[in-house]
Amino acid sequence: MTITETPRSPEDRKRDVLDRLERETDIWVASADADGVPCLVALWFVWDGEALWMATRPGNPTGRNLRTGRRTRLAFGDTRDVVLIDGDVDVHDREEVPAAAAEAFLAKTGWDPRGDSARYAFYRVSPRSVQAWHEVRELPQRHLMRNGTWLV
């Protein structure tokens, strides 16, 4: 395979990341327990312009890991169009979640975890770092955010 496309600028990659945060419904969520046992699941999410909101059951491995570890790595894409987001996690029980976040989640996914018969919690992920690249040609400028601040 020959790569003929020129690399996107960091500004174009940031714009693409923000578009995906608005457009995509699912994101891969990586977490680990206290012993370092990894867990990887796809969850629905909504982007509020500053953070991602997800919902899962607090007693399942992902819910427990996010609550105790307070960190996660999120991912979009395949191996040729990668977005990685490392973030800090805040947990909100369904009675405590801000109404705007829960309503945005419902509007995007069509599901309101607050009314589900099973118990769900909301997890707010504040990005600390964002990387995005299309294949090896964009690796040198893949970092778009560090320490919670956009670089572009």
C-alpha atoms as a PDB file:
ATOM      1  CA  MET A   1       0.000   0.000   0.000  1.00  0.00           C
ATOM      2  CA  THR A   2       1.302   3.456  -0.907  1.00  0.00           C
ATOM      3  CA  ILE A   3       0.365   6.473   1.150  1.00  0.00           C
ATOM      4  CA  THR A   4      -0.210   9.417  -1.148  1.00  0.00           C
ATOM      5  CA  GLU A   5      -2.285  11.778   0.991  1.00  0.00           C
ATOM      6  CA  THR A   6      -0.517  14.622   2.735  1.00  0.00           C
ATOM      7  CA  PRO A   7      -0.840  14.760   6.524  1.00  0.00           C
ATOM      8  CA  ARG A   8      -3.674  16.834   7.936  1.00  0.00           C
ATOM      9  CA  SER A   9      -2.676  19.939   9.853  1.00  0.00           C
ATOM     10  CA  PRO A  10      -3.121  19.842  13.632  1.00  0.00           C
ATOM     11  CA  GLU A  11      -6.018  22.292  13.218  1.00  0.00           C
ATOM     12  CA  ASP A  12      -7.725  19.952  10.736  1.00  0.00           C
ATOM     13  CA  ARG A  13      -7.209  16.995  13.060  1.00  0.00           C
ATOM     14  CA  LYS A  14      -8.686  18.926  16.004  1.00  0.00           C
ATOM     15  CA  ARG A  15     -11.684  19.862  13.851  1.00  0.00           C
ATOM     16  CA  ASP A  16     -12.078  16.188  12.865  1.00  0.00           C
ATOM     17  CA  VAL A  17     -11.892  15.074  16.522  1.00  0.00           C
ATOM     18  CA  LEU A  18     -14.534  17.613  17.586  1.00  0.00           C
ATOM     19  CA  ASP A  19     -16.752  16.515  14.677  1.00  0.00           C
ATOM     20  CA  ARG A  20     -16.466  12.885  15.746  1.00  0.00           C
ATOM     21  CA  LEU A  21     -17.300  13.779  19.340  1.00  0.00           C
ATOM     22  CA  GLU A  22     -20.542  15.312  18.067  1.00  0.00           C
ATOM     23  CA  ARG A  23     -21.327  12.673  15.432  1.00  0.00           C
ATOM     24  CA  GLU A  24     -20.277   9.320  16.899  1.00  0.00           C
ATOM     25  CA  THR A  25     -22.498   7.420  19.321  1.00  0.00           C
ATOM     26  CA  ASP A  26     -20.127   4.729  20.624  1.00  0.00           C
ATOM     27  CA  ILE A  27     -16.656   4.982  22.085  1.00  0.00           C
ATOM     28  CA  TRP A  28     -14.246   2.345  23.396  1.00  0.00           C
ATOM     29  CA  VAL A  29     -13.694   2.694  27.147  1.00  0.00           C
ATOM     30  CA  ALA A  30     -10.576   1.178  28.716  1.00  0.00           C
ATOM     31  CA  SER A  31     -10.183   0.819  32.459  1.00  0.00           C
ATOM     32  CA  ALA A  32      -8.352  -1.404  34.928  1.00  0.00           C
ATOM     33  CA  ASP A  33      -9.036  -2.708  38.397  1.00  0.00           C
ATOM     34  CA  ALA A  34      -6.728  -2.318  41.414  1.00  0.00           C
ATOM     35  CA  ASP A  35      -4.763  -5.402  40.331  1.00  0.00           C
ATOM     36  CA  GLY A  36      -4.258  -3.978  36.843  1.00  0.00           C
ATOM     37  CA  VAL A  37      -6.710  -6.362  35.160  1.00  0.00           C
ATOM     38  CA  PRO A  38      -7.867  -4.492  32.055  1.00  0.00           C
ATOM     39  CA  CYS A  39     -11.415  -4.078  30.841  1.00  0.00           C
ATOM     40  CA  LEU A  40     -12.442  -2.746  27.420  1.00  0.00           C
ATOM     41  CA  VAL A  41     -16.057  -2.058  26.442  1.00  0.00           C
ATOM     42  CA  ALA A  42     -17.919   0.162  24.012  1.00  0.00           C
ATOM     43  CA  LEU A  43     -20.369   2.611  25.569  1.00  0.00           C
ATOM     44  CA  TRP A  44     -22.745   5.241  24.268  1.00  0.00           C
ATOM     45  CA  PHE A  45     -21.644   8.765  25.055  1.00  0.00           C
ATOM     46  CA  VAL A  46     -22.467  12.421  24.597  1.00  0.00           C
ATOM     47  CA  TRP A  47     -20.011  15.324  24.307  1.00  0.00           C
ATOM     48  CA  ASP A  48     -21.034  18.554  26.059  1.00  0.00           C
ATOM     49  CA  GLY A  49     -18.250  20.700  24.616  1.00  0.00           C
ATOM     50  CA  GLU A  50     -15.961  20.111  27.600  1.00  0.00           C
ATOM     51  CA  ALA A  51     -16.395  16.501  28.668  1.00  0.00           C
ATOM     52  CA  LEU A  52     -17.836  13.165  27.601  1.00  0.00           C
ATOM     53  CA  TRP A  53     -20.759  11.652  29.517  1.00  0.00           C
ATOM     54  CA  MET A  54     -21.356   7.897  29.569  1.00  0.00           C
ATOM     55  CA  ALA A  55     -23.614   5.622  31.575  1.00  0.00           C
ATOM     56  CA  THR A  56     -23.105   2.088  32.798  1.00  0.00           C
ATOM     57  CA  ARG A  57     -24.055   0.002  35.777  1.00  0.00           C
ATOM     58  CA  PRO A  58     -21.953   0.890  38.815  1.00  0.00           C
ATOM     59  CA  GLY A  59     -21.535  -2.749  39.829  1.00  0.00           C
ATOM     60  CA  ASN A  60     -20.092  -4.044  36.564  1.00  0.00           C
ATOM     61  CA  PRO A  61     -16.299  -4.095  36.021  1.00  0.00           C
ATOM     62  CA  THR A  62     -16.240  -0.865  33.998  1.00  0.00           C
ATOM     63  CA  GLY A  63     -18.389   0.989  36.526  1.00  0.00           C
ATOM     64  CA  ARG A  64     -16.270  -0.207  39.444  1.00  0.00           C
ATOM     65  CA  ASN A  65     -12.994   0.554  37.652  1.00  0.00           C
ATOM     66  CA  LEU A  66     -14.046   4.062  36.654  1.00  0.00           C
ATOM     67  CA  ARG A  67     -15.302   4.824  40.174  1.00  0.00           C
ATOM     68  CA  THR A  68     -12.163   3.615  41.945  1.00  0.00           C
ATOM     69  CA  GLY A  69      -9.490   4.396  39.361  1.00  0.00           C
ATOM     70  CA  ARG A  70     -10.881   7.789  38.293  1.00  0.00           C
ATOM     71  CA  ARG A  71      -8.985   7.533  34.961  1.00  0.00           C
ATOM     72  CA  THR A  72      -9.769   6.077  31.571  1.00  0.00           C
ATOM     73  CA  ARG A  73      -8.576   5.891  28.003  1.00  0.00           C
ATOM     74  CA  LEU A  74     -11.209   6.343  25.310  1.00  0.00           C
ATOM     75  CA  ALA A  75     -10.770   5.476  21.642  1.00  0.00           C
ATOM     76  CA  PHE A  76     -12.460   5.940  18.290  1.00  0.00           C
ATOM     77  CA  GLY A  77     -11.635   4.504  14.963  1.00  0.00           C
ATOM     78  CA  ASP A  78      -9.663   1.806  13.401  1.00  0.00           C
ATOM     79  CA  THR A  79      -5.919   1.422  13.022  1.00  0.00           C
ATOM     80  CA  ARG A  80      -5.793   3.943  10.156  1.00  0.00           C
ATOM     81  CA  ASP A  81      -7.884   6.681  11.769  1.00  0.00           C
ATOM     82  CA  VAL A  82      -7.139   6.811  15.479  1.00  0.00           C
ATOM     83  CA  VAL A  83      -8.369   9.108  18.244  1.00  0.00           C
ATOM     84  CA  LEU A  84      -7.179   8.448  21.811  1.00  0.00           C
ATOM     85  CA  ILE A  85      -8.471  10.454  24.749  1.00  0.00           C
ATOM     86  CA  ASP A  86      -7.031  10.073  28.236  1.00  0.00           C
ATOM     87  CA  GLY A  87      -9.249  11.562  30.894  1.00  0.00           C
ATOM     88  CA  ASP A  88     -10.201  12.009  34.501  1.00  0.00           C
ATOM     89  CA  VAL A  89     -13.490  10.501  35.655  1.00  0.00           C
ATOM     90  CA  ASP A  90     -16.172  11.953  37.916  1.00  0.00           C
ATOM     91  CA  VAL A  91     -19.041   9.669  38.910  1.00  0.00           C
ATOM     92  CA  HIS A  92     -22.629  10.875  39.250  1.00  0.00           C
ATOM     93  CA  ASP A  93     -25.376   8.635  40.572  1.00  0.00           C
ATOM     94  CA  ARG A  94     -28.478   8.900  38.446  1.00  0.00           C
ATOM     95  CA  GLU A  95     -30.168  11.093  41.060  1.00  0.00           C
ATOM     96  CA  GLU A  96     -27.204  13.488  41.070  1.00  0.00           C
ATOM     97  CA  VAL A  97     -26.394  13.785  37.377  1.00  0.00           C
ATOM     98  CA  PRO A  98     -26.876  17.316  36.025  1.00  0.00           C
ATOM     99  CA  ALA A  99     -30.182  17.441  34.162  1.00  0.00           C
ATOM    100  CA  ALA A 100     -28.543  18.987  31.084  1.00  0.00           C
ATOM    101  CA  ALA A 101     -26.123  16.055  30.764  1.00  0.00           C
ATOM    102  CA  ALA A 102     -28.844  13.426  31.198  1.00  0.00           C
ATOM    103  CA  GLU A 103     -31.146  15.196  28.731  1.00  0.00           C
ATOM    104  CA  ALA A 104     -28.346  15.480  26.150  1.00  0.00           C
ATOM    105  CA  PHE A 105     -27.621  11.774  26.618  1.00  0.00           C
ATOM    106  CA  LEU A 106     -31.288  10.953  26.060  1.00  0.00           C
ATOM    107  CA  ALA A 107     -31.506  13.211  22.994  1.00  0.00           C
ATOM    108  CA  LYS A 108     -28.465  11.584  21.378  1.00  0.00           C
ATOM    109  CA  THR A 109     -29.036   7.930  22.289  1.00  0.00           C
ATOM    110  CA  GLY A 110     -32.804   7.703  22.790  1.00  0.00           C
ATOM    111  CA  TRP A 111     -32.232   6.117  26.210  1.00  0.00           C
ATOM    112  CA  ASP A 112     -32.560   7.617  29.680  1.00  0.00           C
ATOM    113  CA  PRO A 113     -30.605   5.544  32.221  1.00  0.00           C
ATOM    114  CA  ARG A 114     -32.284   7.469  35.056  1.00  0.00           C
ATOM    115  CA  GLY A 115     -35.549   5.645  34.367  1.00  0.00           C
ATOM    116  CA  ASP A 116     -34.154   2.179  33.711  1.00  0.00           C
ATOM    117  CA  SER A 117     -35.204  -0.598  36.080  1.00  0.00           C
ATOM    118  CA  ALA A 118     -31.533  -1.528  36.547  1.00  0.00           C
ATOM    119  CA  ARG A 119     -29.365   0.917  38.480  1.00  0.00           C
ATOM    120  CA  TYR A 120     -27.059   3.068  36.329  1.00  0.00           C
ATOM    121  CA  ALA A 121     -24.553   5.811  37.087  1.00  0.00           C
ATOM    122  CA  PHE A 122     -23.210   8.531  34.812  1.00  0.00           C
ATOM    123  CA  TYR A 123     -19.483   8.966  34.252  1.00  0.00           C
ATOM    124  CA  ARG A 124     -18.113  12.342  33.192  1.00  0.00           C
ATOM    125  CA  VAL A 125     -14.718  12.120  31.486  1.00  0.00           C
ATOM    126  CA  SER A 126     -12.712  15.344  31.312  1.00  0.00           C
ATOM    127  CA  PRO A 127     -10.019  14.999  28.636  1.00  0.00           C
ATOM    128  CA  ARG A 128      -6.438  15.437  29.824  1.00  0.00           C
ATOM    129  CA  SER A 129      -4.801  14.443  26.538  1.00  0.00           C
ATOM    130  CA  VAL A 130      -6.003  13.903  22.998  1.00  0.00           C
ATOM    131  CA  GLN A 131      -4.083  12.248  20.185  1.00  0.00           C
ATOM    132  CA  ALA A 132      -5.290  11.791  16.614  1.00  0.00           C
ATOM    133  CA  TRP A 133      -3.605  10.427  13.516  1.00  0.00           C
ATOM    134  CA  HIS A 134      -4.160   8.848  10.127  1.00  0.00           C
ATOM    135  CA  GLU A 135      -1.424   6.252   9.760  1.00  0.00           C
ATOM    136  CA  VAL A 136       2.264   6.851  10.376  1.00  0.00           C
ATOM    137  CA  ARG A 137       2.471  10.090   8.374  1.00  0.00           C
ATOM    138  CA  GLU A 138       0.625  11.985  11.117  1.00  0.00           C
ATOM    139  CA  LEU A 139       2.382  10.473  14.141  1.00  0.00           C
ATOM    140  CA  PRO A 140       4.873  13.338  14.635  1.00  0.00           C
ATOM    141  CA  GLN A 141       2.071  15.844  15.346  1.00  0.00           C
ATOM    142  CA  ARG A 142      -0.476  13.481  16.913  1.00  0.00           C
ATOM    143  CA  HIS A 143      -0.750  15.316  20.251  1.00  0.00           C
ATOM    144  CA  LEU A 144      -3.614  17.831  20.125  1.00  0.00           C
ATOM    145  CA  MET A 145      -4.171  18.274  23.884  1.00  0.00           C
ATOM    146  CA  ARG A 146      -1.891  17.929  26.884  1.00  0.00           C
ATOM    147  CA  ASN A 147      -2.695  18.520  30.562  1.00  0.00           C
ATOM    148  CA  GLY A 148      -6.269  19.424  29.649  1.00  0.00           C
ATOM    149  CA  THR A 149      -5.253  22.242  27.286  1.00  0.00           C
ATOM    150  CA  TRP A 150      -5.669  22.179  23.511  1.00  0.00           C
ATOM    151  CA  LEU A 151      -2.323  22.718  21.770  1.00  0.00           C
ATOM    152  CA  VAL A 152      -4.015  24.000  18.611  1.00  0.00           C
END
